[in-house]
Amino acid sequence: MARRFSSITHPFVALVAMFGAAGSAQADETGGPKSTNDWTLSFTTYGWLPWLSGDAAVRGRSFDVEVSPDDVINALDWSSLPTWMSYAELRNGRLALFNDIVYSKLAGSAGFERSRQGKFVNANLKADVDAGYEQATIELGAAYEVWAAGAPSAPGHTAVDLLAGGRYWHQELDLSVDVSASATLNGPLGILDLTRSGTRVFARSGSVDWVDPFIGARVRYDVDKGQSLTMRGDIGGFGAGSDFTWQALAAYNWQMCLTDTYEIDAYLGYRALSVDYSEGSGNRKYEYDVIQHGPVMGLTTRF
């Protein structure tokens, strides 16, 4: 039975600290282009509280990933910046250029309370296993409006964008196990190929980086003045980076503040992001096949 790993995450994520821009929840996508001659800028900060589930492997040691939002919040590493999420979009007429950043750093042993026999470790005491996890995803892309109906920003206005871009992934995953009489480490070579310090051994992934191309579509629908719905989906990887990745997002946006120089909107939605990546083999294998999904909330300022 694979080791249950309940104290890592990603990329997201906790409350206001995690306020950044939903990896494309993009509250700036309310309504159509304001001008065909001028660029407009929107910047979003958002929070994402995800569940994570799937499989992972470090140095050939496999384990299950099963993380709740509580695990994410409790494991945020405050020794440095624990998380950052933001989304920016430049728009001119039908064309938009966007950037999304999601970063999180976790540490702790939550989720290893129970005795369990697994592929990675046999542990009989609490906190025998500690974990550290760092992940960043940086998305760059472009959107082009290919169809629209109704007057921009008026109730019933609908627009469809096609999307294309790339998503850079960075991950570091470190596990350490107390190999006193209460625990032993499994794997292709037992513990002989792992770093050891005192009674603990360490399985470290090092820096793992790749880029996934993606294509997708986005639908924007104006419910009423200052209110809109946004839906986005994309697929990617295609073996160029990961074997396959997909993303889906739905968000409701509403206007909170409007002045002569800027506008502030809020949004609430749900986002899912899945990736299946692996490299190496045997005791050099790294694998991350995980889906993370959960509610997102954010604030967008438009200039």
Protein backbone atom coordinates (compact mmCIF):
# COMPACT_ATOMS: atom_id res chain seq x y z
CA MET A 1 0.00 0.00 0.00
CA ALA A 2 1.44 3.39 -1.00
CA ARG A 3 2.48 5.83 1.68
CA ARG A 4 -0.19 8.46 2.43
CA PHE A 5 1.37 11.91 2.14
CA SER A 6 -0.94 14.49 3.68
CA SER A 7 1.28 17.46 4.34
CA ILE A 8 2.35 18.64 0.93
CA THR A 9 0.50 20.73 -1.61
CA HIS A 10 1.02 23.18 -4.12
CA PRO A 11 1.40 25.95 -5.82
CA PHE A 12 -1.53 27.09 -3.41
CA VAL A 13 -2.26 28.04 -0.63
CA ALA A 14 -4.03 29.83 2.08
CA LEU A 15 -6.36 32.69 2.84
CA VAL A 16 -5.40 36.29 2.35
CA ALA A 17 -1.72 35.41 2.26
CA MET A 18 -2.61 33.42 -0.77
CA PHE A 19 -4.43 36.29 -2.34
CA GLY A 20 -3.09 36.48 -5.87
CA ALA A 21 -4.89 35.83 -9.16
CA ALA A 22 -6.59 32.61 -9.76
CA GLY A 23 -4.39 30.96 -12.29
CA SER A 24 -6.80 32.31 -14.64
CA ALA A 25 -9.84 32.90 -12.58
CA GLN A 26 -9.08 36.22 -14.08
CA ALA A 27 -11.58 38.65 -12.79
CA ASP A 28 -10.33 41.03 -15.43
CA GLU A 29 -12.34 39.14 -17.95
CA THR A 30 -15.61 40.88 -17.23
CA GLY A 31 -16.95 42.48 -20.35
CA GLY A 32 -15.48 43.18 -23.73
CA PRO A 33 -12.65 45.37 -24.96
CA LYS A 34 -12.88 48.97 -23.79
CA SER A 35 -10.89 50.34 -26.70
CA THR A 36 -9.47 49.19 -29.99
CA ASN A 37 -6.54 51.62 -29.77
CA ASP A 38 -5.37 51.64 -26.14
CA TRP A 39 -3.94 48.97 -23.89
CA THR A 40 -5.68 48.43 -20.55
CA LEU A 41 -4.11 46.67 -17.57
CA SER A 42 -5.71 44.56 -14.86
CA PHE A 43 -3.90 43.04 -11.88
CA THR A 44 -5.40 40.40 -9.61
CA THR A 45 -4.34 38.92 -6.30
CA TYR A 46 -6.09 35.75 -5.20
CA GLY A 47 -6.22 32.82 -2.83
CA TRP A 48 -6.71 29.18 -3.70
CA LEU A 49 -7.52 26.54 -1.05
CA PRO A 50 -7.13 23.20 -2.80
CA TRP A 51 -7.46 19.53 -2.12
CA LEU A 52 -4.66 17.50 -3.71
CA SER A 53 -4.83 13.83 -4.61
CA GLY A 54 -2.73 11.52 -6.75
CA ASP A 55 0.63 9.74 -6.78
CA ALA A 56 4.23 10.90 -6.47
CA ALA A 57 7.72 9.39 -6.30
CA VAL A 58 11.06 10.74 -5.06
CA ARG A 59 14.29 8.81 -5.69
CA GLY A 60 12.19 5.84 -6.76
CA ARG A 61 10.14 5.84 -3.53
CA SER A 62 6.42 6.02 -4.25
CA PHE A 63 3.67 7.41 -2.04
CA ASP A 64 0.09 8.61 -2.23
CA VAL A 65 -0.69 12.32 -2.13
CA GLU A 66 -3.83 13.14 -0.15
CA VAL A 67 -3.89 16.74 1.09
CA SER A 68 -6.75 18.84 2.45
CA PRO A 69 -6.97 22.66 2.64
CA ASP A 70 -6.35 22.38 6.40
CA ASP A 71 -3.11 20.49 5.71
CA VAL A 72 -2.04 23.24 3.31
CA ILE A 73 -2.71 26.04 5.78
CA ASN A 74 -1.02 24.26 8.69
CA ALA A 75 2.05 23.38 6.61
CA LEU A 76 2.81 26.84 5.19
CA ASP A 77 6.50 27.57 5.74
CA TRP A 78 6.74 31.03 7.33
CA SER A 79 10.53 30.96 7.49
CA SER A 80 10.36 32.71 4.11
CA LEU A 81 7.61 33.80 1.73
CA PRO A 82 5.08 30.93 2.13
CA THR A 83 2.89 31.68 -0.87
CA TRP A 84 2.24 34.15 -3.66
CA MET A 85 -0.47 34.21 -6.34
CA SER A 86 -1.11 36.90 -8.93
CA TYR A 87 -2.59 37.34 -12.37
CA ALA A 88 -2.02 40.23 -14.80
CA GLU A 89 -3.61 40.90 -18.18
CA LEU A 90 -2.93 43.49 -20.88
CA ARG A 91 -5.77 43.96 -23.37
CA ASN A 92 -6.07 45.89 -26.59
CA GLY A 93 -9.26 45.29 -28.52
CA ARG A 94 -9.60 41.57 -29.22
CA LEU A 95 -6.06 40.72 -28.14
CA ALA A 96 -5.00 40.01 -24.55
CA LEU A 97 -1.65 38.99 -23.07
CA PHE A 98 -1.69 37.34 -19.63
CA ASN A 99 0.61 36.11 -16.89
CA ASP A 100 -0.28 33.94 -13.89
CA ILE A 101 2.05 33.13 -10.96
CA VAL A 102 1.39 30.56 -8.23
CA TYR A 103 4.02 29.85 -5.58
CA SER A 104 3.84 27.92 -2.32
CA LYS A 105 6.33 26.50 0.17
CA LEU A 106 5.29 23.92 2.78
CA ALA A 107 6.99 22.09 5.60
CA GLY A 108 5.90 19.72 8.37
CA SER A 109 4.80 16.22 9.22
CA ALA A 110 1.04 16.61 9.45
CA GLY A 111 -0.81 13.63 8.06
CA PHE A 112 1.73 11.04 9.21
CA GLU A 113 0.05 10.39 12.56
CA ARG A 114 -1.05 6.82 11.98
CA SER A 115 1.14 3.74 11.79
CA ARG A 116 1.23 2.53 8.21
CA GLN A 117 3.19 0.18 6.01
CA GLY A 118 3.87 1.59 2.58
CA LYS A 119 6.09 1.44 -0.47
CA PHE A 120 8.20 4.26 0.85
CA VAL A 121 8.40 3.72 4.57
CA ASN A 122 7.31 1.50 7.44
CA ALA A 123 6.78 3.89 10.37
CA ASN A 124 5.33 3.19 13.79
CA LEU A 125 5.78 6.47 15.62
CA LYS A 126 4.30 9.93 15.10
CA ALA A 127 6.44 12.43 13.19
CA ASP A 128 8.80 9.70 11.94
CA VAL A 129 8.40 11.34 8.56
CA ASP A 130 8.95 15.03 7.79
CA ALA A 131 8.31 16.65 4.44
CA GLY A 132 9.26 19.85 2.66
CA TYR A 133 7.65 20.98 -0.57
CA GLU A 134 8.19 23.97 -2.83
CA GLN A 135 6.33 24.59 -6.08
CA ALA A 136 5.99 27.43 -8.54
CA THR A 137 4.01 27.64 -11.76
CA ILE A 138 4.40 30.59 -14.10
CA GLU A 139 1.99 30.90 -16.98
CA LEU A 140 2.47 33.14 -20.03
CA GLY A 141 -0.04 33.26 -22.83
CA ALA A 142 -2.23 35.16 -25.23
CA ALA A 143 -5.99 35.24 -25.82
CA TYR A 144 -7.85 36.38 -28.92
CA GLU A 145 -11.56 37.08 -29.08
CA VAL A 146 -12.99 35.08 -31.98
CA TRP A 147 -16.72 35.62 -31.39
CA ALA A 148 -18.95 38.07 -29.53
CA ALA A 149 -22.65 38.87 -29.29
CA GLY A 150 -24.33 41.88 -27.71
CA ALA A 151 -22.99 45.25 -26.61
CA PRO A 152 -19.82 45.07 -24.46
CA SER A 153 -20.56 45.24 -20.70
CA ALA A 154 -24.31 45.13 -21.33
CA PRO A 155 -26.43 42.31 -19.85
CA GLY A 156 -26.32 39.28 -22.12
CA HIS A 157 -23.03 40.19 -23.80
CA THR A 158 -21.07 37.02 -24.54
CA ALA A 159 -17.52 36.66 -25.85
CA VAL A 160 -15.37 33.63 -26.69
CA ASP A 161 -11.55 33.74 -26.59
CA LEU A 162 -9.06 31.19 -27.87
CA LEU A 163 -5.96 30.76 -25.68
CA ALA A 164 -2.42 29.53 -26.20
CA GLY A 165 0.74 29.72 -24.14
CA GLY A 166 3.18 27.92 -21.90
CA ARG A 167 3.21 26.93 -18.22
CA TYR A 168 6.57 26.64 -16.44
CA TRP A 169 6.71 24.29 -13.43
CA HIS A 170 9.30 24.22 -10.65
CA GLN A 171 9.17 21.66 -7.83
CA GLU A 172 11.37 20.53 -4.95
CA LEU A 173 10.22 17.71 -2.69
CA ASP A 174 12.25 16.51 0.29
CA LEU A 175 11.32 13.67 2.65
CA SER A 176 13.20 12.61 5.77
CA VAL A 177 12.58 9.48 7.85
CA ASP A 178 13.76 8.43 11.31
CA VAL A 179 15.40 5.05 10.68
CA SER A 180 15.79 4.05 14.30
CA ALA A 181 14.35 0.68 15.31
CA SER A 182 10.84 2.00 14.74
CA ALA A 183 11.13 2.71 11.02
CA THR A 184 12.74 1.35 7.89
CA LEU A 185 12.89 2.81 4.42
CA ASN A 186 11.88 0.80 1.37
CA GLY A 187 13.07 1.24 -2.19
CA PRO A 188 15.19 -0.27 -4.95
CA LEU A 189 18.29 -0.16 -2.70
CA GLY A 190 16.73 0.17 0.73
CA ILE A 191 18.42 3.21 2.27
CA LEU A 192 21.89 2.74 0.84
CA ASP A 193 21.40 5.25 -1.98
CA LEU A 194 19.97 7.98 0.28
CA THR A 195 21.65 10.76 2.29
CA ARG A 196 21.93 9.98 5.99
CA SER A 197 22.40 12.27 9.00
CA GLY A 198 22.30 10.74 12.47
CA THR A 199 19.20 8.56 12.68
CA ARG A 200 17.48 10.23 9.71
CA VAL A 201 17.72 9.54 6.00
CA PHE A 202 16.71 11.99 3.29
CA ALA A 203 15.12 11.51 -0.13
CA ARG A 204 15.53 14.75 -2.04
CA SER A 205 14.22 15.45 -5.51
CA GLY A 206 16.43 18.48 -6.08
CA SER A 207 15.11 21.12 -8.48
CA VAL A 208 12.70 19.63 -11.02
CA ASP A 209 11.70 21.99 -13.84
CA TRP A 210 9.72 21.67 -17.06
CA VAL A 211 7.50 23.67 -19.45
CA ASP A 212 4.10 22.61 -20.76
CA PRO A 213 2.58 24.19 -23.86
CA PHE A 214 -1.20 24.57 -23.65
CA ILE A 215 -4.21 25.53 -25.76
CA GLY A 216 -7.70 26.36 -24.57
CA ALA A 217 -10.75 28.60 -24.65
CA ARG A 218 -12.47 31.12 -22.40
CA VAL A 219 -16.09 32.29 -22.31
CA ARG A 220 -17.11 35.64 -20.78
CA TYR A 221 -20.76 36.40 -20.08
CA ASP A 222 -22.11 39.68 -18.64
CA VAL A 223 -24.93 38.88 -16.24
CA ASP A 224 -25.70 42.51 -15.41
CA LYS A 225 -23.87 45.82 -15.15
CA GLY A 226 -20.72 45.17 -13.17
CA GLN A 227 -21.38 41.41 -12.91
CA SER A 228 -20.10 38.61 -15.10
CA LEU A 229 -19.34 34.92 -15.34
CA THR A 230 -16.04 33.56 -16.68
CA MET A 231 -15.31 29.97 -17.69
CA ARG A 232 -11.93 28.73 -18.89
CA GLY A 233 -10.48 25.38 -19.90
CA ASP A 234 -7.16 24.28 -21.37
CA ILE A 235 -5.13 21.16 -22.09
CA GLY A 236 -1.41 20.78 -22.63
CA GLY A 237 1.82 18.94 -22.02
CA PHE A 238 1.52 16.57 -24.97
CA GLY A 239 4.81 14.91 -23.99
CA ALA A 240 6.82 18.11 -24.50
CA GLY A 241 7.04 18.60 -20.73
CA SER A 242 4.52 16.56 -18.80
CA ASP A 243 2.69 13.66 -20.39
CA PHE A 244 -0.57 15.57 -20.02
CA THR A 245 -2.00 18.52 -18.10
CA TRP A 246 -5.41 20.16 -17.97
CA GLN A 247 -7.07 23.06 -16.20
CA ALA A 248 -10.68 24.19 -15.66
CA LEU A 249 -12.01 27.28 -13.95
CA ALA A 250 -15.38 28.95 -13.37
CA ALA A 251 -15.73 32.32 -11.60
CA TYR A 252 -18.37 34.92 -10.77
CA ASN A 253 -17.10 38.53 -10.88
CA TRP A 254 -18.70 41.66 -9.45
CA GLN A 255 -17.74 45.34 -9.28
CA MET A 256 -16.87 46.67 -5.81
CA CYS A 257 -15.48 50.15 -6.47
CA LEU A 258 -15.32 52.51 -9.46
CA THR A 259 -13.39 55.81 -9.67
CA ASP A 260 -12.16 58.03 -12.49
CA THR A 261 -8.78 56.26 -12.57
CA TYR A 262 -9.38 52.65 -11.56
CA GLU A 263 -11.94 49.93 -10.88
CA ILE A 264 -11.84 47.21 -8.22
CA ASP A 265 -13.66 43.93 -8.77
CA ALA A 266 -13.99 40.80 -6.65
CA TYR A 267 -14.50 37.25 -7.77
CA LEU A 268 -15.35 33.86 -6.33
CA GLY A 269 -14.94 30.61 -8.18
CA TYR A 270 -13.61 27.07 -8.36
CA ARG A 271 -10.41 25.93 -10.05
CA ALA A 272 -8.90 22.55 -10.92
CA LEU A 273 -5.38 21.91 -12.23
CA SER A 274 -3.99 18.48 -13.06
CA VAL A 275 -0.53 17.39 -14.23
CA ASP A 276 1.10 14.03 -14.95
CA TYR A 277 4.89 14.36 -15.07
CA SER A 278 7.73 11.88 -14.62
CA GLU A 279 11.44 11.64 -15.33
CA GLY A 280 14.23 9.14 -14.67
CA SER A 281 13.88 5.51 -13.64
CA GLY A 282 14.78 3.19 -10.76
CA ASN A 283 16.21 5.01 -7.77
CA ARG A 284 16.47 8.21 -9.88
CA LYS A 285 12.77 8.35 -10.69
CA TYR A 286 10.72 11.46 -9.96
CA GLU A 287 6.97 11.40 -10.55
CA TYR A 288 4.15 13.85 -9.88
CA ASP A 289 0.68 12.78 -11.05
CA VAL A 290 -1.64 14.98 -9.00
CA ILE A 291 -4.85 16.96 -9.35
CA GLN A 292 -5.44 20.00 -7.15
CA HIS A 293 -8.87 21.58 -6.96
CA GLY A 294 -10.71 23.95 -4.69
CA PRO A 295 -12.32 27.39 -4.27
CA VAL A 296 -10.58 30.57 -5.38
CA MET A 297 -11.26 34.17 -4.37
CA GLY A 298 -9.56 37.37 -5.42
CA LEU A 299 -9.52 41.12 -5.99
CA THR A 300 -8.81 42.74 -9.35
CA THR A 301 -7.71 46.31 -9.99
CA ARG A 302 -8.20 47.67 -13.51
CA PHE A 303 -6.31 50.67 -14.84
